[in-house]
Amino acid sequence: MSTQPATVNADARSMPDLLLVASKLSKRFGGLQALSDVSFSICKGDIYGLIGPNGAGKTTLFNVLTSLYIPESGTCNFMGHQLTRLKPHEIAIAGIARTFQNIRLFSNLSAIENVMIGRHIRTHAGVFGAITRNRATREEERAIQQQAHELLDYVGIGHRANHLASALPYGDQRRLEIARALATEPSLLALDEPAAGMNASETMVLRRLIEKIRDDGITVLLIEHDMKLVMGLCNRVLVLDYGKVLAEGKPADVQRNPRVIEAYLGAGAGNHATVPGGDAAVAPTGSASDASNDDKELQ
């Protein structure tokens, strides 16, 4: 296992299979270096985990990948697109969709309307069609509605299609956000803490959904604090701490990495300790930046 997933790590993997290659991404907020020379690669078909203590820079990295933030330096290539040069809506058109750490739904719209909005970037009717309501526009709208119904069924909440988003149970709101992201027809689905606030049974349903999404040809990038979920689901894991890459590799190797153990459990942890989710699972203590969660680090 490499402790620095630099470009050599990307080159070691089959080039035709590479979907996303990030190289030396850095982002600063005033005096805070949120990301420092972060490099990694994701292959087609991966469920790629991104973990680290609170304040490690995980959501900042998501926001750089989706152009909500512009990095000071570094590059990110996705299927031939240089992401650092694109706007957020162009990122979505290129094939990257995301969910958010804090659920962001249109609460006063129904579940199906939320998903239909996600289809917007793949539609063709413009202002003229919206005004005249011509035949092509009406047919396209019917097709969008049908696709939205199918996606709600896909994530397991088809029976709640006409319920207001704000009235849905928490777990269903999470799945609705995933359905809306899938409506954009992504090649890479980036999930920011999708299991946050879920109980064990809801998390198991989520795990099966993520596996189904991967099996249906969509690569997944996952930020998650549930180490049992990450270690059982992801085939590769990247660990950040203080905005720097701590380790990258297979989950079992990452769990045993001394630097990762120290970041989660503190210096002096026993020789047989592992990060949470391992054989000696212990709740993470986080890094010194725990006072700032990933949402706060974005400010």
Protein backbone atom coordinates (compact mmCIF):
# COMPACT_ATOMS: atom_id res chain seq x y z
CA MET A 1 0.00 0.00 0.00
CA SER A 2 1.24 3.46 -0.88
CA THR A 3 1.07 6.20 1.71
CA GLN A 4 1.21 8.86 -1.04
CA PRO A 5 -1.10 8.20 -4.01
CA ALA A 6 0.91 10.38 -6.35
CA THR A 7 0.91 10.12 -10.10
CA VAL A 8 2.88 6.91 -9.98
CA ASN A 9 -0.14 5.33 -8.28
CA ALA A 10 -2.39 6.44 -11.14
CA ASP A 11 0.09 5.13 -13.73
CA ALA A 12 0.20 1.74 -11.99
CA ARG A 13 -3.48 1.22 -12.68
CA SER A 14 -4.87 0.35 -16.10
CA MET A 15 -5.07 3.58 -18.10
CA PRO A 16 -8.23 2.60 -20.08
CA ASP A 17 -10.00 2.08 -16.75
CA LEU A 18 -9.08 5.46 -15.24
CA LEU A 19 -12.11 7.69 -14.81
CA LEU A 20 -10.73 10.54 -12.71
CA VAL A 21 -7.14 11.57 -12.01
CA ALA A 22 -6.43 14.36 -9.50
CA SER A 23 -2.90 15.69 -9.22
CA LYS A 24 -1.50 17.97 -6.48
CA LEU A 25 -4.77 19.77 -5.71
CA SER A 26 -4.35 22.58 -3.17
CA LYS A 27 -6.90 24.95 -1.66
CA ARG A 28 -6.42 27.69 0.92
CA PHE A 29 -8.92 29.78 2.90
CA GLY A 30 -7.01 32.77 4.22
CA GLY A 31 -4.47 31.31 6.62
CA LEU A 32 -5.97 27.81 6.53
CA GLN A 33 -4.47 25.32 4.10
CA ALA A 34 -7.54 23.16 3.53
CA LEU A 35 -5.95 20.93 0.87
CA SER A 36 -2.26 20.42 0.20
CA ASP A 37 -1.00 18.56 -2.90
CA VAL A 38 -3.78 15.96 -2.89
CA SER A 39 -3.35 13.32 -5.62
CA PHE A 40 -5.40 10.20 -6.31
CA SER A 41 -7.11 8.31 -9.12
CA ILE A 42 -10.46 6.56 -9.45
CA CYS A 43 -11.10 3.72 -11.89
CA LYS A 44 -14.34 2.86 -13.61
CA GLY A 45 -16.42 0.57 -11.42
CA ASP A 46 -14.79 1.67 -8.17
CA ILE A 47 -16.58 2.42 -4.96
CA TYR A 48 -13.87 4.77 -3.76
CA GLY A 49 -13.92 5.87 -0.14
CA LEU A 50 -12.73 9.22 1.18
CA ILE A 51 -12.25 9.28 4.94
CA GLY A 52 -10.51 11.28 7.64
CA PRO A 53 -11.17 12.97 10.98
CA ASN A 54 -13.51 15.98 11.13
CA GLY A 55 -11.95 18.98 9.47
CA ALA A 56 -9.60 16.84 7.35
CA GLY A 57 -10.67 18.50 4.08
CA LYS A 58 -13.00 15.86 2.67
CA THR A 59 -15.92 18.10 1.73
CA THR A 60 -13.51 20.78 0.52
CA LEU A 61 -12.09 18.18 -1.88
CA PHE A 62 -15.62 17.33 -3.06
CA ASN A 63 -16.26 21.02 -3.64
CA VAL A 64 -13.06 21.39 -5.63
CA LEU A 65 -13.93 18.37 -7.78
CA THR A 66 -17.37 19.85 -8.54
CA SER A 67 -16.05 23.40 -9.11
CA LEU A 68 -17.81 24.97 -6.15
CA TYR A 69 -14.26 25.97 -5.21
CA ILE A 70 -11.38 26.82 -7.51
CA PRO A 71 -8.07 25.30 -6.36
CA GLU A 72 -4.95 27.45 -6.07
CA SER A 73 -2.99 24.75 -7.87
CA GLY A 74 -3.29 21.26 -9.25
CA THR A 75 -5.30 19.54 -11.95
CA CYS A 76 -8.22 17.13 -12.10
CA ASN A 77 -8.94 15.22 -15.30
CA PHE A 78 -12.27 13.47 -15.72
CA MET A 79 -12.89 11.56 -18.97
CA GLY A 80 -10.84 14.10 -20.90
CA HIS A 81 -12.34 17.14 -19.16
CA GLN A 82 -10.12 19.39 -17.06
CA LEU A 83 -12.51 19.97 -14.17
CA THR A 84 -10.74 22.98 -12.69
CA ARG A 85 -11.70 24.94 -15.81
CA LEU A 86 -15.40 24.11 -15.72
CA LYS A 87 -18.38 25.69 -13.97
CA PRO A 88 -20.57 23.59 -11.65
CA HIS A 89 -23.31 23.01 -14.24
CA GLU A 90 -20.66 22.00 -16.78
CA ILE A 91 -19.34 19.47 -14.27
CA ALA A 92 -22.81 17.93 -14.11
CA ILE A 93 -23.07 17.85 -17.90
CA ALA A 94 -19.63 16.20 -18.06
CA GLY A 95 -20.97 13.36 -15.92
CA ILE A 96 -20.36 14.04 -12.22
CA ALA A 97 -23.33 14.27 -9.85
CA ARG A 98 -23.20 14.75 -6.10
CA THR A 99 -25.22 14.80 -2.93
CA PHE A 100 -24.51 17.02 0.07
CA GLN A 101 -23.58 16.49 3.69
CA ASN A 102 -26.63 18.52 4.67
CA ILE A 103 -29.64 17.43 2.61
CA ARG A 104 -30.51 20.00 -0.05
CA LEU A 105 -33.92 19.22 -1.49
CA PHE A 106 -36.70 21.48 -2.72
CA SER A 107 -38.74 20.93 0.42
CA ASN A 108 -41.96 22.50 -0.92
CA LEU A 109 -41.97 20.27 -4.02
CA SER A 110 -42.97 16.63 -4.28
CA ALA A 111 -40.45 13.81 -4.50
CA ILE A 112 -41.10 13.29 -8.20
CA GLU A 113 -40.75 17.01 -8.93
CA ASN A 114 -37.36 17.00 -7.20
CA VAL A 115 -36.17 14.18 -9.44
CA MET A 116 -37.60 15.81 -12.57
CA ILE A 117 -35.53 18.93 -11.81
CA GLY A 118 -32.45 16.71 -11.87
CA ARG A 119 -33.22 15.87 -15.52
CA HIS A 120 -32.98 19.54 -16.53
CA ILE A 121 -29.43 19.32 -17.91
CA ARG A 122 -30.44 16.47 -20.24
CA THR A 123 -33.52 18.17 -21.71
CA HIS A 124 -33.88 20.04 -25.00
CA ALA A 125 -36.98 22.21 -24.69
CA GLY A 126 -35.96 25.83 -24.28
CA VAL A 127 -37.86 28.98 -23.42
CA PHE A 128 -39.88 28.80 -26.64
CA GLY A 129 -41.02 25.27 -25.88
CA ALA A 130 -41.92 26.18 -22.31
CA ILE A 131 -44.08 29.07 -23.53
CA THR A 132 -45.78 27.39 -26.50
CA ARG A 133 -46.06 23.93 -24.92
CA ASN A 134 -45.60 22.38 -28.36
CA ARG A 135 -45.83 18.65 -28.98
CA ALA A 136 -42.11 17.97 -28.60
CA THR A 137 -42.05 19.73 -25.25
CA ARG A 138 -45.07 17.83 -23.95
CA GLU A 139 -43.61 14.49 -25.03
CA GLU A 140 -40.30 15.32 -23.43
CA GLU A 141 -42.02 16.26 -20.18
CA ARG A 142 -43.93 12.96 -20.16
CA ALA A 143 -40.67 11.08 -20.71
CA ILE A 144 -39.00 13.01 -17.87
CA GLN A 145 -41.89 12.19 -15.54
CA GLN A 146 -41.68 8.50 -16.46
CA GLN A 147 -37.92 8.46 -15.88
CA ALA A 148 -38.41 10.18 -12.52
CA HIS A 149 -40.93 7.50 -11.47
CA GLU A 150 -38.44 4.79 -12.49
CA LEU A 151 -35.66 6.39 -10.46
CA LEU A 152 -37.86 6.68 -7.38
CA ASP A 153 -38.66 2.98 -7.74
CA TYR A 154 -34.95 2.28 -8.21
CA VAL A 155 -34.00 3.87 -4.87
CA GLY A 156 -36.99 2.28 -3.14
CA ILE A 157 -39.35 5.20 -2.58
CA GLY A 158 -41.62 4.99 -5.60
CA HIS A 159 -44.65 4.85 -3.33
CA ARG A 160 -43.79 8.34 -2.05
CA ALA A 161 -43.67 10.01 -5.47
CA ASN A 162 -46.33 12.59 -4.67
CA HIS A 163 -45.29 13.29 -1.08
CA LEU A 164 -43.67 16.62 -0.28
CA ALA A 165 -39.93 16.24 0.17
CA SER A 166 -40.17 17.91 3.57
CA ALA A 167 -42.68 15.26 4.73
CA LEU A 168 -40.45 12.29 3.91
CA PRO A 169 -38.66 10.36 6.66
CA TYR A 170 -34.98 11.22 6.96
CA GLY A 171 -33.70 8.07 5.26
CA ASP A 172 -36.10 8.57 2.35
CA GLN A 173 -34.89 12.15 1.94
CA ARG A 174 -31.35 10.80 1.58
CA ARG A 175 -32.49 8.33 -1.07
CA LEU A 176 -34.47 11.05 -2.85
CA GLU A 177 -31.32 13.15 -3.10
CA ILE A 178 -29.53 10.17 -4.63
CA ALA A 179 -32.39 9.69 -7.13
CA ARG A 180 -32.15 13.35 -8.16
CA ALA A 181 -28.40 12.99 -8.68
CA LEU A 182 -28.93 9.84 -10.76
CA ALA A 183 -31.39 11.77 -12.94
CA THR A 184 -28.44 13.65 -14.43
CA GLU A 185 -27.11 10.34 -15.85
CA PRO A 186 -23.71 10.54 -14.16
CA SER A 187 -20.64 8.42 -14.78
CA LEU A 188 -19.39 9.32 -11.29
CA LEU A 189 -21.73 9.71 -8.31
CA ALA A 190 -20.18 11.58 -5.37
CA LEU A 191 -21.97 10.93 -2.07
CA ASP A 192 -21.17 13.19 0.89
CA GLU A 193 -21.96 11.29 4.12
CA PRO A 194 -25.13 9.59 2.82
CA ALA A 195 -25.44 7.42 5.96
CA ALA A 196 -25.29 10.36 8.38
CA GLY A 197 -28.16 10.12 10.86
CA MET A 198 -29.29 6.71 9.67
CA ASN A 199 -29.94 3.75 11.93
CA ALA A 200 -28.41 0.32 11.27
CA SER A 201 -31.27 -0.98 9.12
CA GLU A 202 -31.39 2.20 7.02
CA THR A 203 -27.61 2.00 6.54
CA MET A 204 -27.90 -1.58 5.30
CA VAL A 205 -30.54 -0.52 2.76
CA LEU A 206 -28.23 2.30 1.67
CA ARG A 207 -25.32 -0.11 1.27
CA ARG A 208 -27.37 -2.36 -1.01
CA LEU A 209 -28.42 0.68 -3.06
CA ILE A 210 -24.82 1.87 -3.52
CA GLU A 211 -23.76 -1.62 -4.57
CA LYS A 212 -26.63 -1.72 -7.07
CA ILE A 213 -25.61 1.67 -8.48
CA ARG A 214 -22.05 0.41 -8.95
CA ASP A 215 -23.23 -2.87 -10.48
CA ASP A 216 -25.30 -0.85 -12.97
CA GLY A 217 -22.15 0.87 -14.26
CA ILE A 218 -21.90 4.06 -12.21
CA THR A 219 -18.67 4.68 -10.31
CA VAL A 220 -19.10 5.94 -6.73
CA LEU A 221 -16.99 8.35 -4.66
CA LEU A 222 -18.03 8.14 -1.03
CA ILE A 223 -17.32 10.38 1.97
CA GLU A 224 -18.48 8.62 5.09
CA HIS A 225 -17.78 8.52 8.84
CA ASP A 226 -19.38 5.09 9.23
CA MET A 227 -16.17 3.07 9.06
CA LYS A 228 -17.97 -0.27 9.05
CA LEU A 229 -19.84 0.84 5.92
CA VAL A 230 -16.71 2.21 4.23
CA MET A 231 -14.49 -0.77 4.97
CA GLY A 232 -17.15 -3.26 3.90
CA LEU A 233 -18.23 -1.42 0.77
CA CYS A 234 -15.24 0.36 -0.81
CA ASN A 235 -12.56 -1.36 -2.85
CA ARG A 236 -10.09 1.51 -2.33
CA VAL A 237 -9.87 4.20 0.34
CA LEU A 238 -8.13 7.59 0.50
CA VAL A 239 -7.38 9.05 3.94
CA LEU A 240 -7.01 12.80 4.49
CA ASP A 241 -5.77 14.57 7.61
CA TYR A 242 -5.19 18.33 7.89
CA GLY A 243 -5.75 18.56 4.12
CA LYS A 244 -2.94 16.15 3.27
CA VAL A 245 -2.99 12.60 1.97
CA LEU A 246 -2.24 10.24 4.82
CA ALA A 247 -2.68 6.93 3.01
CA GLU A 248 -4.40 5.31 0.05
CA GLY A 249 -5.07 1.69 -0.80
CA LYS A 250 -7.24 -1.31 -0.05
CA PRO A 251 -9.45 -0.96 3.05
CA ALA A 252 -7.67 -3.73 4.98
CA ASP A 253 -4.28 -2.10 4.37
CA VAL A 254 -5.54 1.35 5.31
CA GLN A 255 -6.99 0.02 8.58
CA ARG A 256 -3.57 -1.25 9.63
CA ASN A 257 -1.59 1.80 8.50
CA PRO A 258 0.20 3.27 11.57
CA ARG A 259 -0.28 6.87 10.41
CA VAL A 260 -4.02 6.33 9.93
CA ILE A 261 -4.32 4.66 13.34
CA GLU A 262 -2.54 7.60 14.96
CA ALA A 263 -4.84 10.12 13.22
CA TYR A 264 -7.95 8.31 14.45
CA LEU A 265 -6.88 6.96 17.81
CA GLY A 266 -3.99 9.23 18.78
CA ALA A 267 -0.30 8.56 19.31
CA GLY A 268 0.49 5.55 21.47
CA ALA A 269 -2.38 3.37 20.20
CA GLY A 270 -1.66 -0.32 20.62
CA ASN A 271 0.23 -2.26 17.97
CA HIS A 272 -2.85 -4.36 17.21
CA ALA A 273 -5.24 -1.42 16.93
CA THR A 274 -7.10 -0.68 13.72
CA VAL A 275 -9.17 2.28 12.62
CA PRO A 276 -12.93 2.04 13.27
CA GLY A 277 -14.52 -0.77 11.33
CA GLY A 278 -11.56 -3.08 11.90
CA ASP A 279 -11.16 -6.00 14.26
CA ALA A 280 -10.49 -3.63 17.16
CA ALA A 281 -12.98 -0.96 16.22
CA VAL A 282 -12.84 2.15 18.37
CA ALA A 283 -14.74 5.40 17.92
CA PRO A 284 -12.51 8.04 16.25
CA THR A 285 -11.22 10.90 18.33
CA GLY A 286 -10.57 13.05 15.27
CA SER A 287 -7.76 15.45 14.61
CA ALA A 288 -6.99 18.73 16.32
CA SER A 289 -9.33 20.40 13.85
CA ASP A 290 -12.36 18.57 15.26
CA ALA A 291 -13.78 21.89 16.42
CA SER A 292 -14.51 22.55 12.76
CA ASN A 293 -16.60 19.99 10.90
CA ASP A 294 -16.42 19.67 7.12
CA ASP A 295 -19.25 22.15 6.61
CA LYS A 296 -17.50 24.74 8.79
CA GLU A 297 -14.21 24.26 6.98
CA LEU A 298 -15.92 25.42 3.80
CA GLN A 299 -16.72 28.82 5.16
